[in-house]
Amino acid sequence: MDLSDTILGLVSLIVGMIGFFLGRLSDAVRSIEKQVADIPKEYVLKVEYRDDIDEIKSTLKDIFKILREHEKSSSRD
């Protein structure tokens, strides 16, 4: 085995290791892309949350208004 065979073997080993590393990196990037794409499906968007909170506040205001009116009418009796 001469020097050129040794160098060729080392270069092949290094290229193989780099290829393995790039393959793993590519898999990790695909996994992250899939997770990012699924975020809107799993989490409530800020706009939707704000709309829901506004609806809850409106409902609570209506409830308290009814309670106050009921309290006023019962205190008159």
C-alpha atoms as a PDB file:
ATOM      1  CA  MET A   1       0.000   0.000   0.000  1.00  0.00           C
ATOM      2  CA  ASP A   2       1.627   3.225  -1.032  1.00  0.00           C
ATOM      3  CA  LEU A   3       1.035   6.816   0.023  1.00  0.00           C
ATOM      4  CA  SER A   4      -1.530   7.614  -2.699  1.00  0.00           C
ATOM      5  CA  ASP A   5      -3.766   4.714  -1.566  1.00  0.00           C
ATOM      6  CA  THR A   6      -3.585   5.958   2.028  1.00  0.00           C
ATOM      7  CA  ILE A   7      -4.445   9.523   1.024  1.00  0.00           C
ATOM      8  CA  LEU A   8      -7.279   8.281  -1.183  1.00  0.00           C
ATOM      9  CA  GLY A   9      -8.633   6.210   1.708  1.00  0.00           C
ATOM     10  CA  LEU A  10      -8.482   9.170   4.117  1.00  0.00           C
ATOM     11  CA  VAL A  11     -10.150  11.500   1.614  1.00  0.00           C
ATOM     12  CA  SER A  12     -12.888   8.913   1.026  1.00  0.00           C
ATOM     13  CA  LEU A  13     -13.399   8.566   4.773  1.00  0.00           C
ATOM     14  CA  ILE A  14     -13.613  12.336   5.240  1.00  0.00           C
ATOM     15  CA  VAL A  15     -16.048  12.726   2.318  1.00  0.00           C
ATOM     16  CA  GLY A  16     -18.155   9.895   3.725  1.00  0.00           C
ATOM     17  CA  MET A  17     -18.255  11.539   7.162  1.00  0.00           C
ATOM     18  CA  ILE A  18     -19.210  14.897   5.639  1.00  0.00           C
ATOM     19  CA  GLY A  19     -21.930  13.188   3.586  1.00  0.00           C
ATOM     20  CA  PHE A  20     -23.293  11.468   6.710  1.00  0.00           C
ATOM     21  CA  PHE A  21     -23.279  14.775   8.604  1.00  0.00           C
ATOM     22  CA  LEU A  22     -25.057  16.596   5.765  1.00  0.00           C
ATOM     23  CA  GLY A  23     -27.658  13.831   5.555  1.00  0.00           C
ATOM     24  CA  ARG A  24     -28.389  14.112   9.283  1.00  0.00           C
ATOM     25  CA  LEU A  25     -28.532  17.905   9.005  1.00  0.00           C
ATOM     26  CA  SER A  26     -30.960  17.634   6.100  1.00  0.00           C
ATOM     27  CA  ASP A  27     -33.225  15.308   8.124  1.00  0.00           C
ATOM     28  CA  ALA A  28     -33.167  17.725  11.053  1.00  0.00           C
ATOM     29  CA  VAL A  29     -34.097  20.667   8.819  1.00  0.00           C
ATOM     30  CA  ARG A  30     -37.013  18.705   7.312  1.00  0.00           C
ATOM     31  CA  SER A  31     -38.239  17.822  10.789  1.00  0.00           C
ATOM     32  CA  ILE A  32     -38.087  21.461  11.900  1.00  0.00           C
ATOM     33  CA  GLU A  33     -39.877  22.612   8.737  1.00  0.00           C
ATOM     34  CA  LYS A  34     -42.693  20.128   9.414  1.00  0.00           C
ATOM     35  CA  GLN A  35     -43.012  21.301  13.016  1.00  0.00           C
ATOM     36  CA  VAL A  36     -43.135  24.946  11.929  1.00  0.00           C
ATOM     37  CA  ALA A  37     -45.751  24.163   9.283  1.00  0.00           C
ATOM     38  CA  ASP A  38     -47.946  22.490  11.931  1.00  0.00           C
ATOM     39  CA  ILE A  39     -47.831  25.420  14.379  1.00  0.00           C
ATOM     40  CA  PRO A  40     -51.008  27.173  13.117  1.00  0.00           C
ATOM     41  CA  LYS A  41     -52.868  23.850  13.356  1.00  0.00           C
ATOM     42  CA  GLU A  42     -51.856  23.272  16.982  1.00  0.00           C
ATOM     43  CA  TYR A  43     -51.932  26.749  18.480  1.00  0.00           C
ATOM     44  CA  VAL A  44     -54.491  29.536  18.572  1.00  0.00           C
ATOM     45  CA  LEU A  45     -53.492  32.502  16.475  1.00  0.00           C
ATOM     46  CA  LYS A  46     -53.225  35.847  18.277  1.00  0.00           C
ATOM     47  CA  VAL A  47     -56.092  37.355  16.245  1.00  0.00           C
ATOM     48  CA  GLU A  48     -58.404  34.454  17.098  1.00  0.00           C
ATOM     49  CA  TYR A  49     -57.463  34.728  20.770  1.00  0.00           C
ATOM     50  CA  ARG A  50     -58.178  38.453  20.782  1.00  0.00           C
ATOM     51  CA  ASP A  51     -61.583  37.907  19.141  1.00  0.00           C
ATOM     52  CA  ASP A  52     -62.476  35.259  21.719  1.00  0.00           C
ATOM     53  CA  ILE A  53     -61.421  37.504  24.608  1.00  0.00           C
ATOM     54  CA  ASP A  54     -63.521  40.377  23.211  1.00  0.00           C
ATOM     55  CA  GLU A  55     -66.532  38.058  22.977  1.00  0.00           C
ATOM     56  CA  ILE A  56     -66.020  36.876  26.570  1.00  0.00           C
ATOM     57  CA  LYS A  57     -65.731  40.467  27.806  1.00  0.00           C
ATOM     58  CA  SER A  58     -68.918  41.424  25.982  1.00  0.00           C
ATOM     59  CA  THR A  59     -70.780  38.459  27.460  1.00  0.00           C
ATOM     60  CA  LEU A  60     -69.568  39.306  30.962  1.00  0.00           C
ATOM     61  CA  LYS A  61     -70.658  42.932  30.542  1.00  0.00           C
ATOM     62  CA  ASP A  62     -74.126  41.736  29.537  1.00  0.00           C
ATOM     63  CA  ILE A  63     -74.292  39.394  32.529  1.00  0.00           C
ATOM     64  CA  PHE A  64     -73.246  42.118  34.977  1.00  0.00           C
ATOM     65  CA  LYS A  65     -75.742  44.526  33.416  1.00  0.00           C
ATOM     66  CA  ILE A  66     -78.545  41.998  33.938  1.00  0.00           C
ATOM     67  CA  LEU A  67     -77.396  41.361  37.506  1.00  0.00           C
ATOM     68  CA  ARG A  68     -77.320  45.093  38.312  1.00  0.00           C
ATOM     69  CA  GLU A  69     -80.803  45.557  36.853  1.00  0.00           C
ATOM     70  CA  HIS A  70     -82.054  42.593  38.842  1.00  0.00           C
ATOM     71  CA  GLU A  71     -80.421  43.971  42.003  1.00  0.00           C
ATOM     72  CA  LYS A  72     -82.027  47.387  41.456  1.00  0.00           C
ATOM     73  CA  SER A  73     -85.449  45.892  40.866  1.00  0.00           C
ATOM     74  CA  SER A  74     -85.243  43.645  43.920  1.00  0.00           C
ATOM     75  CA  SER A  75     -84.074  46.495  46.181  1.00  0.00           C
ATOM     76  CA  ARG A  76     -87.141  48.557  45.190  1.00  0.00           C
ATOM     77  CA  ASP A  77     -89.471  45.851  46.456  1.00  0.00           C
END
